Amino acid sequence: MQAESLLLSASTMTGDEVCNRQDEKLGKIQDIMLDTVEGKIRYVVLASGGFLGLGDRLFAVPWKALTQDRENHRFILDVDVDQLKSAPGFDKDQWPNMADPTWNSTIDSFYARPSDHAGS
């Protein structure tokens, strides 16, 4: 029996579906933002709300907020559709400065789960 690889190429993940725990489709992964200092994925850019790629709103979702669903080849984000609509987002032609600590704090706080703050 061959062991399943835990390594994925970024291009393999691009286009993967993101759903919530209620199995509602939230969008698709459009891009992946790497922290080159820490050597890890920092954010996944989720495209949501458009039709055939037109009118999509983009959301930077912290990597730690996603759970991989290997069986269904998708990712799970624990937010409902209305929560995502109120999430800090941006347009494809107006990306935020993702190096801005204030922006990072806003995004991380929005998607934080109770266990993310344990012991801090």
PDB file of N, CA and C in Angstrom:
ATOM      1  N   MET A   1       0.844  -1.180   0.000  1.00  0.00           N
ATOM      2  CA  MET A   1       0.000   0.000   0.000  1.00  0.00           C
ATOM      3  C   MET A   1       0.887   1.240   0.000  1.00  0.00           C
ATOM      4  N   GLN A   2       0.635   2.141  -0.931  1.00  0.00           N
ATOM      5  CA  GLN A   2       1.450   3.351  -1.055  1.00  0.00           C
ATOM      6  C   GLN A   2       0.911   4.442  -0.134  1.00  0.00           C
ATOM      7  N   ALA A   3       1.797   5.106   0.573  1.00  0.00           N
ATOM      8  CA  ALA A   3       1.390   6.191   1.461  1.00  0.00           C
ATOM      9  C   ALA A   3       0.909   7.380   0.643  1.00  0.00           C
ATOM     10  N   GLU A   4      -0.148   8.041   1.140  1.00  0.00           N
ATOM     11  CA  GLU A   4      -0.677   9.219   0.467  1.00  0.00           C
ATOM     12  C   GLU A   4       0.256  10.399   0.722  1.00  0.00           C
ATOM     13  N   SER A   5       0.562  11.133  -0.316  1.00  0.00           N
ATOM     14  CA  SER A   5       1.465  12.272  -0.192  1.00  0.00           C
ATOM     15  C   SER A   5       0.789  13.413   0.553  1.00  0.00           C
ATOM     16  N   LEU A   6       1.533  14.052   1.424  1.00  0.00           N
ATOM     17  CA  LEU A   6       1.040  15.224   2.130  1.00  0.00           C
ATOM     18  C   LEU A   6       1.490  16.503   1.441  1.00  0.00           C
ATOM     19  N   LEU A   7       2.215  16.362   0.349  1.00  0.00           N
ATOM     20  CA  LEU A   7       2.683  17.518  -0.404  1.00  0.00           C
ATOM     21  C   LEU A   7       1.811  17.709  -1.636  1.00  0.00           C
ATOM     22  N   LEU A   8       1.402  18.948  -1.869  1.00  0.00           N
ATOM     23  CA  LEU A   8       0.608  19.292  -3.043  1.00  0.00           C
ATOM     24  C   LEU A   8       1.253  20.469  -3.744  1.00  0.00           C
ATOM     25  N   SER A   9       1.186  20.484  -5.044  1.00  0.00           N
ATOM     26  CA  SER A   9       1.660  21.670  -5.758  1.00  0.00           C
ATOM     27  C   SER A   9       0.576  22.742  -5.660  1.00  0.00           C
ATOM     28  N   ALA A  10       0.990  23.995  -5.680  1.00  0.00           N
ATOM     29  CA  ALA A  10       0.030  25.093  -5.616  1.00  0.00           C
ATOM     30  C   ALA A  10      -0.940  25.027  -6.786  1.00  0.00           C
ATOM     31  N   SER A  11      -0.444  24.642  -7.953  1.00  0.00           N
ATOM     32  CA  SER A  11      -1.322  24.579  -9.123  1.00  0.00           C
ATOM     33  C   SER A  11      -2.374  23.480  -8.977  1.00  0.00           C
ATOM     34  N   THR A  12      -2.081  22.445  -8.203  1.00  0.00           N
ATOM     35  CA  THR A  12      -3.067  21.393  -7.946  1.00  0.00           C
ATOM     36  C   THR A  12      -4.222  21.933  -7.107  1.00  0.00           C
ATOM     37  N   MET A  13      -3.916  22.813  -6.167  1.00  0.00           N
ATOM     38  CA  MET A  13      -4.942  23.360  -5.279  1.00  0.00           C
ATOM     39  C   MET A  13      -5.742  24.477  -5.936  1.00  0.00           C
ATOM     40  N   THR A  14      -5.139  25.194  -6.858  1.00  0.00           N
ATOM     41  CA  THR A  14      -5.836  26.282  -7.531  1.00  0.00           C
ATOM     42  C   THR A  14      -7.033  25.709  -8.277  1.00  0.00           C
ATOM     43  N   GLY A  15      -8.191  26.287  -8.032  1.00  0.00           N
ATOM     44  CA  GLY A  15      -9.423  25.799  -8.642  1.00  0.00           C
ATOM     45  C   GLY A  15     -10.199  24.840  -7.761  1.00  0.00           C
ATOM     46  N   ASP A  16      -9.581  24.383  -6.658  1.00  0.00           N
ATOM     47  CA  ASP A  16     -10.297  23.482  -5.753  1.00  0.00           C
ATOM     48  C   ASP A  16     -11.470  24.212  -5.107  1.00  0.00           C
ATOM     49  N   GLU A  17     -12.525  23.477  -4.890  1.00  0.00           N
ATOM     50  CA  GLU A  17     -13.733  24.012  -4.280  1.00  0.00           C
ATOM     51  C   GLU A  17     -13.544  24.176  -2.774  1.00  0.00           C
ATOM     52  N   VAL A  18     -14.181  25.220  -2.235  1.00  0.00           N
ATOM     53  CA  VAL A  18     -14.214  25.439  -0.791  1.00  0.00           C
ATOM     54  C   VAL A  18     -15.682  25.439  -0.376  1.00  0.00           C
ATOM     55  N   CYS A  19     -16.011  24.589   0.582  1.00  0.00           N
ATOM     56  CA  CYS A  19     -17.376  24.475   1.100  1.00  0.00           C
ATOM     57  C   CYS A  19     -17.344  24.715   2.604  1.00  0.00           C
ATOM     58  N   ASN A  20     -18.533  24.916   3.175  1.00  0.00           N
ATOM     59  CA  ASN A  20     -18.597  25.000   4.631  1.00  0.00           C
ATOM     60  C   ASN A  20     -19.067  23.662   5.193  1.00  0.00           C
ATOM     61  N   ARG A  21     -19.221  23.587   6.494  1.00  0.00           N
ATOM     62  CA  ARG A  21     -19.594  22.320   7.130  1.00  0.00           C
ATOM     63  C   ARG A  21     -21.027  21.899   6.799  1.00  0.00           C
ATOM     64  N   GLN A  22     -21.831  22.827   6.288  1.00  0.00           N
ATOM     65  CA  GLN A  22     -23.193  22.512   5.867  1.00  0.00           C
ATOM     66  C   GLN A  22     -23.223  22.073   4.401  1.00  0.00           C
ATOM     67  N   ASP A  23     -22.048  21.891   3.811  1.00  0.00           N
ATOM     68  CA  ASP A  23     -21.882  21.462   2.424  1.00  0.00           C
ATOM     69  C   ASP A  23     -22.340  22.515   1.410  1.00  0.00           C
ATOM     70  N   GLU A  24     -22.374  23.790   1.840  1.00  0.00           N
ATOM     71  CA  GLU A  24     -22.690  24.883   0.918  1.00  0.00           C
ATOM     72  C   GLU A  24     -21.402  25.316   0.235  1.00  0.00           C
ATOM     73  N   LYS A  25     -21.465  25.534  -1.063  1.00  0.00           N
ATOM     74  CA  LYS A  25     -20.289  25.971  -1.811  1.00  0.00           C
ATOM     75  C   LYS A  25     -20.025  27.445  -1.520  1.00  0.00           C
ATOM     76  N   LEU A  26     -18.786  27.733  -1.114  1.00  0.00           N
ATOM     77  CA  LEU A  26     -18.390  29.109  -0.810  1.00  0.00           C
ATOM     78  C   LEU A  26     -17.610  29.742  -1.949  1.00  0.00           C
ATOM     79  N   GLY A  27     -16.931  28.953  -2.741  1.00  0.00           N
ATOM     80  CA  GLY A  27     -16.135  29.482  -3.844  1.00  0.00           C
ATOM     81  C   GLY A  27     -15.033  28.516  -4.219  1.00  0.00           C
ATOM     82  N   LYS A  28     -14.049  29.050  -4.942  1.00  0.00           N
ATOM     83  CA  LYS A  28     -12.912  28.241  -5.386  1.00  0.00           C
ATOM     84  C   LYS A  28     -11.609  28.956  -5.069  1.00  0.00           C
ATOM     85  N   ILE A  29     -10.578  28.168  -4.840  1.00  0.00           N
ATOM     86  CA  ILE A  29      -9.253  28.731  -4.588  1.00  0.00           C
ATOM     87  C   ILE A  29      -8.728  29.327  -5.886  1.00  0.00           C
ATOM     88  N   GLN A  30      -8.398  30.614  -5.835  1.00  0.00           N
ATOM     89  CA  GLN A  30      -7.873  31.297  -7.014  1.00  0.00           C
ATOM     90  C   GLN A  30      -6.361  31.435  -6.965  1.00  0.00           C
ATOM     91  N   ASP A  31      -5.837  31.627  -5.751  1.00  0.00           N
ATOM     92  CA  ASP A  31      -4.396  31.847  -5.619  1.00  0.00           C
ATOM     93  C   ASP A  31      -3.956  31.429  -4.229  1.00  0.00           C
ATOM     94  N   ILE A  32      -2.668  31.330  -4.064  1.00  0.00           N
ATOM     95  CA  ILE A  32      -2.091  30.933  -2.782  1.00  0.00           C
ATOM     96  C   ILE A  32      -0.966  31.910  -2.463  1.00  0.00           C
ATOM     97  N   MET A  33      -1.015  32.492  -1.268  1.00  0.00           N
ATOM     98  CA  MET A  33      -0.024  33.471  -0.853  1.00  0.00           C
ATOM     99  C   MET A  33       0.952  32.817   0.122  1.00  0.00           C
ATOM    100  N   LEU A  34       2.225  32.867  -0.234  1.00  0.00           N
ATOM    101  CA  LEU A  34       3.271  32.238   0.568  1.00  0.00           C
ATOM    102  C   LEU A  34       3.998  33.259   1.429  1.00  0.00           C
ATOM    103  N   ASP A  35       4.289  32.874   2.653  1.00  0.00           N
ATOM    104  CA  ASP A  35       5.148  33.657   3.532  1.00  0.00           C
ATOM    105  C   ASP A  35       6.562  33.145   3.280  1.00  0.00           C
ATOM    106  N   THR A  36       7.352  33.913   2.548  1.00  0.00           N
ATOM    107  CA  THR A  36       8.685  33.448   2.158  1.00  0.00           C
ATOM    108  C   THR A  36       9.683  33.487   3.313  1.00  0.00           C
ATOM    109  N   VAL A  37       9.382  34.246   4.358  1.00  0.00           N
ATOM    110  CA  VAL A  37      10.259  34.279   5.528  1.00  0.00           C
ATOM    111  C   VAL A  37      10.037  33.023   6.374  1.00  0.00           C
ATOM    112  N   GLU A  38       8.775  32.703   6.628  1.00  0.00           N
ATOM    113  CA  GLU A  38       8.425  31.537   7.448  1.00  0.00           C
ATOM    114  C   GLU A  38       8.438  30.235   6.648  1.00  0.00           C
ATOM    115  N   GLY A  39       8.365  30.349   5.325  1.00  0.00           N
ATOM    116  CA  GLY A  39       8.367  29.161   4.484  1.00  0.00           C
ATOM    117  C   GLY A  39       7.085  28.354   4.558  1.00  0.00           C
ATOM    118  N   LYS A  40       5.940  29.055   4.569  1.00  0.00           N
ATOM    119  CA  LYS A  40       4.660  28.346   4.655  1.00  0.00           C
ATOM    120  C   LYS A  40       3.568  29.132   3.937  1.00  0.00           C
ATOM    121  N   ILE A  41       2.460  28.441   3.692  1.00  0.00           N
ATOM    122  CA  ILE A  41       1.300  29.118   3.108  1.00  0.00           C
ATOM    123  C   ILE A  41       0.713  30.032   4.173  1.00  0.00           C
ATOM    124  N   ARG A  42       0.449  31.267   3.812  1.00  0.00           N
ATOM    125  CA  ARG A  42      -0.145  32.222   4.756  1.00  0.00           C
ATOM    126  C   ARG A  42      -1.644  32.375   4.506  1.00  0.00           C
ATOM    127  N   TYR A  43      -1.997  32.616   3.240  1.00  0.00           N
ATOM    128  CA  TYR A  43      -3.400  32.804   2.866  1.00  0.00           C
ATOM    129  C   TYR A  43      -3.722  32.039   1.597  1.00  0.00           C
ATOM    130  N   VAL A  44      -4.975  31.650   1.489  1.00  0.00           N
ATOM    131  CA  VAL A  44      -5.533  31.136   0.252  1.00  0.00           C
ATOM    132  C   VAL A  44      -6.498  32.208  -0.226  1.00  0.00           C
ATOM    133  N   VAL A  45      -6.406  32.594  -1.484  1.00  0.00           N
ATOM    134  CA  VAL A  45      -7.319  33.591  -2.031  1.00  0.00           C
ATOM    135  C   VAL A  45      -8.524  32.846  -2.587  1.00  0.00           C
ATOM    136  N   LEU A  46      -9.677  33.106  -1.980  1.00  0.00           N
ATOM    137  CA  LEU A  46     -10.930  32.463  -2.347  1.00  0.00           C
ATOM    138  C   LEU A  46     -11.724  33.393  -3.249  1.00  0.00           C
ATOM    139  N   ALA A  47     -12.139  32.910  -4.414  1.00  0.00           N
ATOM    140  CA  ALA A  47     -13.007  33.662  -5.324  1.00  0.00           C
ATOM    141  C   ALA A  47     -14.432  33.190  -5.079  1.00  0.00           C
ATOM    142  N   SER A  48     -15.334  34.141  -4.828  1.00  0.00           N
ATOM    143  CA  SER A  48     -16.701  33.779  -4.479  1.00  0.00           C
ATOM    144  C   SER A  48     -17.694  34.803  -5.003  1.00  0.00           C
ATOM    145  N   GLY A  49     -18.892  34.332  -5.288  1.00  0.00           N
ATOM    146  CA  GLY A  49     -19.999  35.229  -5.578  1.00  0.00           C
ATOM    147  C   GLY A  49     -20.224  35.598  -7.017  1.00  0.00           C
ATOM    148  N   GLY A  50     -19.329  35.256  -7.895  1.00  0.00           N
ATOM    149  CA  GLY A  50     -19.493  35.616  -9.297  1.00  0.00           C
ATOM    150  C   GLY A  50     -20.175  34.524 -10.095  1.00  0.00           C
ATOM    151  N   PHE A  51     -20.276  34.764 -11.378  1.00  0.00           N
ATOM    152  CA  PHE A  51     -20.849  33.785 -12.293  1.00  0.00           C
ATOM    153  C   PHE A  51     -19.854  33.556 -13.410  1.00  0.00           C
ATOM    154  N   LEU A  52     -19.392  32.321 -13.544  1.00  0.00           N
ATOM    155  CA  LEU A  52     -18.388  31.963 -14.550  1.00  0.00           C
ATOM    156  C   LEU A  52     -17.127  32.818 -14.438  1.00  0.00           C
ATOM    157  N   GLY A  53     -16.754  33.153 -13.199  1.00  0.00           N
ATOM    158  CA  GLY A  53     -15.537  33.920 -12.971  1.00  0.00           C
ATOM    159  C   GLY A  53     -15.705  35.424 -13.093  1.00  0.00           C
ATOM    160  N   LEU A  54     -16.895  35.874 -13.487  1.00  0.00           N
ATOM    161  CA  LEU A  54     -17.145  37.310 -13.624  1.00  0.00           C
ATOM    162  C   LEU A  54     -17.821  37.826 -12.363  1.00  0.00           C
ATOM    163  N   GLY A  55     -17.344  38.959 -11.865  1.00  0.00           N
ATOM    164  CA  GLY A  55     -17.937  39.572 -10.689  1.00  0.00           C
ATOM    165  C   GLY A  55     -17.555  38.921  -9.376  1.00  0.00           C
ATOM    166  N   ASP A  56     -16.549  38.049  -9.412  1.00  0.00           N
ATOM    167  CA  ASP A  56     -16.104  37.410  -8.175  1.00  0.00           C
ATOM    168  C   ASP A  56     -15.556  38.437  -7.197  1.00  0.00           C
ATOM    169  N   ARG A  57     -15.829  38.225  -5.941  1.00  0.00           N
ATOM    170  CA  ARG A  57     -15.203  38.968  -4.855  1.00  0.00           C
ATOM    171  C   ARG A  57     -14.118  38.037  -4.323  1.00  0.00           C
ATOM    172  N   LEU A  58     -12.991  38.598  -3.956  1.00  0.00           N
ATOM    173  CA  LEU A  58     -11.877  37.796  -3.461  1.00  0.00           C
ATOM    174  C   LEU A  58     -11.745  37.957  -1.953  1.00  0.00           C
ATOM    175  N   PHE A  59     -11.375  36.860  -1.302  1.00  0.00           N
ATOM    176  CA  PHE A  59     -11.201  36.844   0.146  1.00  0.00           C
ATOM    177  C   PHE A  59      -9.892  36.138   0.471  1.00  0.00           C
ATOM    178  N   ALA A  60      -9.062  36.776   1.276  1.00  0.00           N
ATOM    179  CA  ALA A  60      -7.841  36.129   1.758  1.00  0.00           C
ATOM    180  C   ALA A  60      -8.224  35.358   3.015  1.00  0.00           C
ATOM    181  N   VAL A  61      -8.128  34.049   2.927  1.00  0.00           N
ATOM    182  CA  VAL A  61      -8.503  33.183   4.044  1.00  0.00           C
ATOM    183  C   VAL A  61      -7.226  32.590   4.631  1.00  0.00           C
ATOM    184  N   PRO A  62      -7.005  32.764   5.934  1.00  0.00           N
ATOM    185  CA  PRO A  62      -5.808  32.173   6.532  1.00  0.00           C
ATOM    186  C   PRO A  62      -5.771  30.662   6.297  1.00  0.00           C
ATOM    187  N   TRP A  63      -4.615  30.171   5.939  1.00  0.00           N
ATOM    188  CA  TRP A  63      -4.443  28.747   5.665  1.00  0.00           C
ATOM    189  C   TRP A  63      -4.936  27.897   6.834  1.00  0.00           C
ATOM    190  N   LYS A  64      -4.659  28.354   8.071  1.00  0.00           N
ATOM    191  CA  LYS A  64      -5.038  27.564   9.246  1.00  0.00           C
ATOM    192  C   LYS A  64      -6.554  27.507   9.460  1.00  0.00           C
ATOM    193  N   ALA A  65      -7.316  28.339   8.749  1.00  0.00           N
ATOM    194  CA  ALA A  65      -8.779  28.309   8.867  1.00  0.00           C
ATOM    195  C   ALA A  65      -9.408  27.236   7.982  1.00  0.00           C
ATOM    196  N   LEU A  66      -8.614  26.651   7.097  1.00  0.00           N
ATOM    197  CA  LEU A  66      -9.123  25.633   6.174  1.00  0.00           C
ATOM    198  C   LEU A  66      -8.777  24.230   6.655  1.00  0.00           C
ATOM    199  N   THR A  67      -9.660  23.303   6.335  1.00  0.00           N
ATOM    200  CA  THR A  67      -9.427  21.886   6.587  1.00  0.00           C
ATOM    201  C   THR A  67      -9.517  21.174   5.249  1.00  0.00           C
ATOM    202  N   GLN A  68      -8.547  20.343   4.964  1.00  0.00           N
ATOM    203  CA  GLN A  68      -8.565  19.617   3.697  1.00  0.00           C
ATOM    204  C   GLN A  68      -9.509  18.421   3.790  1.00  0.00           C
ATOM    205  N   ASP A  69     -10.396  18.303   2.811  1.00  0.00           N
ATOM    206  CA  ASP A  69     -11.293  17.155   2.673  1.00  0.00           C
ATOM    207  C   ASP A  69     -10.744  16.328   1.517  1.00  0.00           C
ATOM    208  N   ARG A  70      -9.814  15.436   1.829  1.00  0.00           N
ATOM    209  CA  ARG A  70      -9.128  14.658   0.782  1.00  0.00           C
ATOM    210  C   ARG A  70     -10.076  13.755   0.015  1.00  0.00           C
ATOM    211  N   GLU A  71     -11.046  13.201   0.706  1.00  0.00           N
ATOM    212  CA  GLU A  71     -11.979  12.273   0.061  1.00  0.00           C
ATOM    213  C   GLU A  71     -12.746  12.947  -1.081  1.00  0.00           C
ATOM    214  N   ASN A  72     -13.140  14.208  -0.881  1.00  0.00           N
ATOM    215  CA  ASN A  72     -13.924  14.930  -1.886  1.00  0.00           C
ATOM    216  C   ASN A  72     -13.100  15.939  -2.678  1.00  0.00           C
ATOM    217  N   HIS A  73     -11.776  15.943  -2.474  1.00  0.00           N
ATOM    218  CA  HIS A  73     -10.861  16.835  -3.193  1.00  0.00           C
ATOM    219  C   HIS A  73     -11.320  18.296  -3.107  1.00  0.00           C
ATOM    220  N   ARG A  74     -11.469  18.764  -1.865  1.00  0.00           N
ATOM    221  CA  ARG A  74     -11.903  20.136  -1.616  1.00  0.00           C
ATOM    222  C   ARG A  74     -11.421  20.561  -0.239  1.00  0.00           C
ATOM    223  N   PHE A  75     -11.728  21.799   0.108  1.00  0.00           N
ATOM    224  CA  PHE A  75     -11.372  22.329   1.416  1.00  0.00           C
ATOM    225  C   PHE A  75     -12.635  22.784   2.133  1.00  0.00           C
ATOM    226  N   ILE A  76     -12.593  22.722   3.466  1.00  0.00           N
ATOM    227  CA  ILE A  76     -13.722  23.128   4.298  1.00  0.00           C
ATOM    228  C   ILE A  76     -13.325  24.386   5.069  1.00  0.00           C
ATOM    229  N   LEU A  77     -14.206  25.385   5.026  1.00  0.00           N
ATOM    230  CA  LEU A  77     -14.044  26.628   5.776  1.00  0.00           C
ATOM    231  C   LEU A  77     -15.257  26.745   6.688  1.00  0.00           C
ATOM    232  N   ASP A  78     -15.028  26.887   7.974  1.00  0.00           N
ATOM    233  CA  ASP A  78     -16.113  26.880   8.957  1.00  0.00           C
ATOM    234  C   ASP A  78     -16.763  28.258   9.097  1.00  0.00           C
ATOM    235  N   VAL A  79     -17.399  28.725   8.027  1.00  0.00           N
ATOM    236  CA  VAL A  79     -18.203  29.952   8.043  1.00  0.00           C
ATOM    237  C   VAL A  79     -19.455  29.686   7.214  1.00  0.00           C
ATOM    238  N   ASP A  80     -20.539  30.385   7.531  1.00  0.00           N
ATOM    239  CA  ASP A  80     -21.711  30.226   6.681  1.00  0.00           C
ATOM    240  C   ASP A  80     -21.655  31.264   5.559  1.00  0.00           C
ATOM    241  N   VAL A  81     -22.558  31.133   4.615  1.00  0.00           N
ATOM    242  CA  VAL A  81     -22.541  31.988   3.427  1.00  0.00           C
ATOM    243  C   VAL A  81     -22.658  33.462   3.809  1.00  0.00           C
ATOM    244  N   ASP A  82     -23.538  33.791   4.764  1.00  0.00           N
ATOM    245  CA  ASP A  82     -23.713  35.189   5.167  1.00  0.00           C
ATOM    246  C   ASP A  82     -22.468  35.744   5.852  1.00  0.00           C
ATOM    247  N   GLN A  83     -21.788  34.915   6.637  1.00  0.00           N
ATOM    248  CA  GLN A  83     -20.536  35.362   7.263  1.00  0.00           C
ATOM    249  C   GLN A  83     -19.504  35.699   6.197  1.00  0.00           C
ATOM    250  N   LEU A  84     -19.414  34.864   5.174  1.00  0.00           N
ATOM    251  CA  LEU A  84     -18.439  35.125   4.116  1.00  0.00           C
ATOM    252  C   LEU A  84     -18.774  36.421   3.387  1.00  0.00           C
ATOM    253  N   LYS A  85     -20.057  36.676   3.165  1.00  0.00           N
ATOM    254  CA  LYS A  85     -20.461  37.910   2.480  1.00  0.00           C
ATOM    255  C   LYS A  85     -20.033  39.145   3.265  1.00  0.00           C
ATOM    256  N   SER A  86     -19.958  39.017   4.603  1.00  0.00           N
ATOM    257  CA  SER A  86     -19.557  40.163   5.428  1.00  0.00           C
ATOM    258  C   SER A  86     -18.060  40.183   5.722  1.00  0.00           C
ATOM    259  N   ALA A  87     -17.336  39.202   5.199  1.00  0.00           N
ATOM    260  CA  ALA A  87     -15.887  39.125   5.437  1.00  0.00           C
ATOM    261  C   ALA A  87     -15.156  40.241   4.701  1.00  0.00           C
ATOM    262  N   PRO A  88     -13.999  40.671   5.231  1.00  0.00           N
ATOM    263  CA  PRO A  88     -13.189  41.642   4.501  1.00  0.00           C
ATOM    264  C   PRO A  88     -12.732  41.012   3.184  1.00  0.00           C
ATOM    265  N   GLY A  89     -13.069  41.650   2.086  1.00  0.00           N
ATOM    266  CA  GLY A  89     -12.699  41.127   0.776  1.00  0.00           C
ATOM    267  C   GLY A  89     -12.130  42.222  -0.104  1.00  0.00           C
ATOM    268  N   PHE A  90     -11.848  41.856  -1.339  1.00  0.00           N
ATOM    269  CA  PHE A  90     -11.275  42.825  -2.272  1.00  0.00           C
ATOM    270  C   PHE A  90     -11.598  42.410  -3.697  1.00  0.00           C
ATOM    271  N   ASP A  91     -11.399  43.343  -4.618  1.00  0.00           N
ATOM    272  CA  ASP A  91     -11.650  43.093  -6.032  1.00  0.00           C
ATOM    273  C   ASP A  91     -10.371  42.631  -6.711  1.00  0.00           C
ATOM    274  N   LYS A  92     -10.525  41.932  -7.824  1.00  0.00           N
ATOM    275  CA  LYS A  92      -9.359  41.359  -8.511  1.00  0.00           C
ATOM    276  C   LYS A  92      -8.359  42.413  -8.967  1.00  0.00           C
ATOM    277  N   ASP A  93      -8.806  43.656  -9.158  1.00  0.00           N
ATOM    278  CA  ASP A  93      -7.909  44.721  -9.605  1.00  0.00           C
ATOM    279  C   ASP A  93      -7.425  45.613  -8.467  1.00  0.00           C
ATOM    280  N   GLN A  94      -7.822  45.318  -7.229  1.00  0.00           N
ATOM    281  CA  GLN A  94      -7.437  46.152  -6.088  1.00  0.00           C
ATOM    282  C   GLN A  94      -7.050  45.282  -4.894  1.00  0.00           C
ATOM    283  N   TRP A  95      -5.937  44.590  -5.034  1.00  0.00           N
ATOM    284  CA  TRP A  95      -5.468  43.721  -3.958  1.00  0.00           C
ATOM    285  C   TRP A  95      -4.954  44.563  -2.793  1.00  0.00           C
ATOM    286  N   PRO A  96      -5.182  44.108  -1.575  1.00  0.00           N
ATOM    287  CA  PRO A  96      -4.663  44.821  -0.404  1.00  0.00           C
ATOM    288  C   PRO A  96      -3.164  44.597  -0.255  1.00  0.00           C
ATOM    289  N   ASN A  97      -2.561  45.401   0.610  1.00  0.00           N
ATOM    290  CA  ASN A  97      -1.161  45.203   0.967  1.00  0.00           C
ATOM    291  C   ASN A  97      -1.123  44.108   2.032  1.00  0.00           C
ATOM    292  N   MET A  98      -0.855  42.890   1.613  1.00  0.00           N
ATOM    293  CA  MET A  98      -0.894  41.754   2.534  1.00  0.00           C
ATOM    294  C   MET A  98       0.278  41.736   3.511  1.00  0.00           C
ATOM    295  N   ALA A  99       1.227  42.638   3.348  1.00  0.00           N
ATOM    296  CA  ALA A  99       2.337  42.758   4.294  1.00  0.00           C
ATOM    297  C   ALA A  99       1.994  43.711   5.439  1.00  0.00           C
ATOM    298  N   ASP A 100       0.855  44.398   5.355  1.00  0.00           N
ATOM    299  CA  ASP A 100       0.434  45.357   6.369  1.00  0.00           C
ATOM    300  C   ASP A 100      -0.037  44.608   7.625  1.00  0.00           C
ATOM    301  N   PRO A 101       0.625  44.811   8.764  1.00  0.00           N
ATOM    302  CA  PRO A 101       0.255  44.093   9.992  1.00  0.00           C
ATOM    303  C   PRO A 101      -1.193  44.345  10.425  1.00  0.00           C
ATOM    304  N   THR A 102      -1.708  45.554  10.200  1.00  0.00           N
ATOM    305  CA  THR A 102      -3.095  45.852  10.567  1.00  0.00           C
ATOM    306  C   THR A 102      -4.054  45.031   9.720  1.00  0.00           C
ATOM    307  N   TRP A 103      -3.771  44.946   8.423  1.00  0.00           N
ATOM    308  CA  TRP A 103      -4.606  44.142   7.525  1.00  0.00           C
ATOM    309  C   TRP A 103      -4.551  42.676   7.960  1.00  0.00           C
ATOM    310  N   ASN A 104      -3.349  42.167   8.236  1.00  0.00           N
ATOM    311  CA  ASN A 104      -3.194  40.779   8.683  1.00  0.00           C
ATOM    312  C   ASN A 104      -4.009  40.507   9.943  1.00  0.00           C
ATOM    313  N   SER A 105      -3.956  41.410  10.884  1.00  0.00           N
ATOM    314  CA  SER A 105      -4.677  41.245  12.141  1.00  0.00           C
ATOM    315  C   SER A 105      -6.186  41.201  11.911  1.00  0.00           C
ATOM    316  N   THR A 106      -6.681  42.067  11.033  1.00  0.00           N
ATOM    317  CA  THR A 106      -8.112  42.094  10.712  1.00  0.00           C
ATOM    318  C   THR A 106      -8.561  40.771  10.108  1.00  0.00           C
ATOM    319  N   ILE A 107      -7.803  40.274   9.154  1.00  0.00           N
ATOM    320  CA  ILE A 107      -8.151  39.015   8.488  1.00  0.00           C
ATOM    321  C   ILE A 107      -8.063  37.849   9.467  1.00  0.00           C
ATOM    322  N   ASP A 108      -6.972  37.772  10.201  1.00  0.00           N
ATOM    323  CA  ASP A 108      -6.793  36.669  11.144  1.00  0.00           C
ATOM    324  C   ASP A 108      -7.882  36.671  12.220  1.00  0.00           C
ATOM    325  N   SER A 109      -8.270  37.845  12.697  1.00  0.00           N
ATOM    326  CA  SER A 109      -9.320  37.944  13.717  1.00  0.00           C
ATOM    327  C   SER A 109     -10.671  37.510  13.168  1.00  0.00           C
ATOM    328  N   PHE A 110     -10.966  37.877  11.927  1.00  0.00           N
ATOM    329  CA  PHE A 110     -12.259  37.525  11.340  1.00  0.00           C
ATOM    330  C   PHE A 110     -12.442  36.010  11.266  1.00  0.00           C
ATOM    331  N   TYR A 111     -11.395  35.308  10.870  1.00  0.00           N
ATOM    332  CA  TYR A 111     -11.497  33.861  10.671  1.00  0.00           C
ATOM    333  C   TYR A 111     -11.043  33.042  11.878  1.00  0.00           C
ATOM    334  N   ALA A 112     -10.691  33.702  12.974  1.00  0.00           N
ATOM    335  CA  ALA A 112     -10.158  32.996  14.144  1.00  0.00           C
ATOM    336  C   ALA A 112     -11.185  32.045  14.727  1.00  0.00           C
ATOM    337  N   ARG A 113     -10.697  30.884  15.114  1.00  0.00           N
ATOM    338  CA  ARG A 113     -11.514  29.916  15.841  1.00  0.00           C
ATOM    339  C   ARG A 113     -11.087  30.005  17.295  1.00  0.00           C
ATOM    340  N   PRO A 114     -11.962  29.654  18.230  1.00  0.00           N
ATOM    341  CA  PRO A 114     -11.600  29.762  19.653  1.00  0.00           C
ATOM    342  C   PRO A 114     -10.261  29.115  19.990  1.00  0.00           C
ATOM    343  N   SER A 115      -9.946  27.991  19.383  1.00  0.00           N
ATOM    344  CA  SER A 115      -8.684  27.307  19.690  1.00  0.00           C
ATOM    345  C   SER A 115      -7.465  28.068  19.177  1.00  0.00           C
ATOM    346  N   ASP A 116      -7.679  28.990  18.210  1.00  0.00           N
ATOM    347  CA  ASP A 116      -6.561  29.769  17.679  1.00  0.00           C
ATOM    348  C   ASP A 116      -5.969  30.691  18.736  1.00  0.00           C
ATOM    349  N   HIS A 117      -6.767  31.058  19.744  1.00  0.00           N
ATOM    350  CA  HIS A 117      -6.303  32.010  20.754  1.00  0.00           C
ATOM    351  C   HIS A 117      -5.971  31.338  22.081  1.00  0.00           C
ATOM    352  N   ALA A 118      -6.103  30.049  22.147  1.00  0.00           N
ATOM    353  CA  ALA A 118      -5.814  29.335  23.396  1.00  0.00           C
ATOM    354  C   ALA A 118      -4.359  29.543  23.794  1.00  0.00           C
ATOM    355  N   GLY A 119      -4.169  29.958  25.015  1.00  0.00           N
ATOM    356  CA  GLY A 119      -2.825  30.136  25.535  1.00  0.00           C
ATOM    357  C   GLY A 119      -2.139  31.401  25.082  1.00  0.00           C
ATOM    358  N   SER A 120      -2.870  32.297  24.412  1.00  0.00           N
ATOM    359  CA  SER A 120      -2.217  33.538  23.982  1.00  0.00           C
ATOM    360  C   SER A 120      -2.604  34.700  24.846  1.00  0.00           C
TER     361      SER A 120
END
